[in-house]
Amino acid sequence: MRVSKGQPFPVVALPGVVHMPAKGEDEQEAARVFYVAATRATQGLVGMGHLRNLRQAGECGPSNCS
């Protein structure tokens, strides 16, 4: 994402958003890179995470995940 700064994309996919920041990664740097990635999307933004990780993080319950 650092290379794409300032360039728009129709769709941006962000894998691993459940585990941000990664272990050992600076929280402010992770937030900055996430912001840059999210603001590059002109039509769609897709956040991806493994269903098991979503459940472990408490982000997934019986009513909103299958």
Foldseek 3Di string as FASTA:
>chain_A
DVVCQPAADQEFEAEPPLCPPPVPDDNVVSVVVVVRRVVRHDHYYHYYYDPVSCVVSVNDDPVRDD
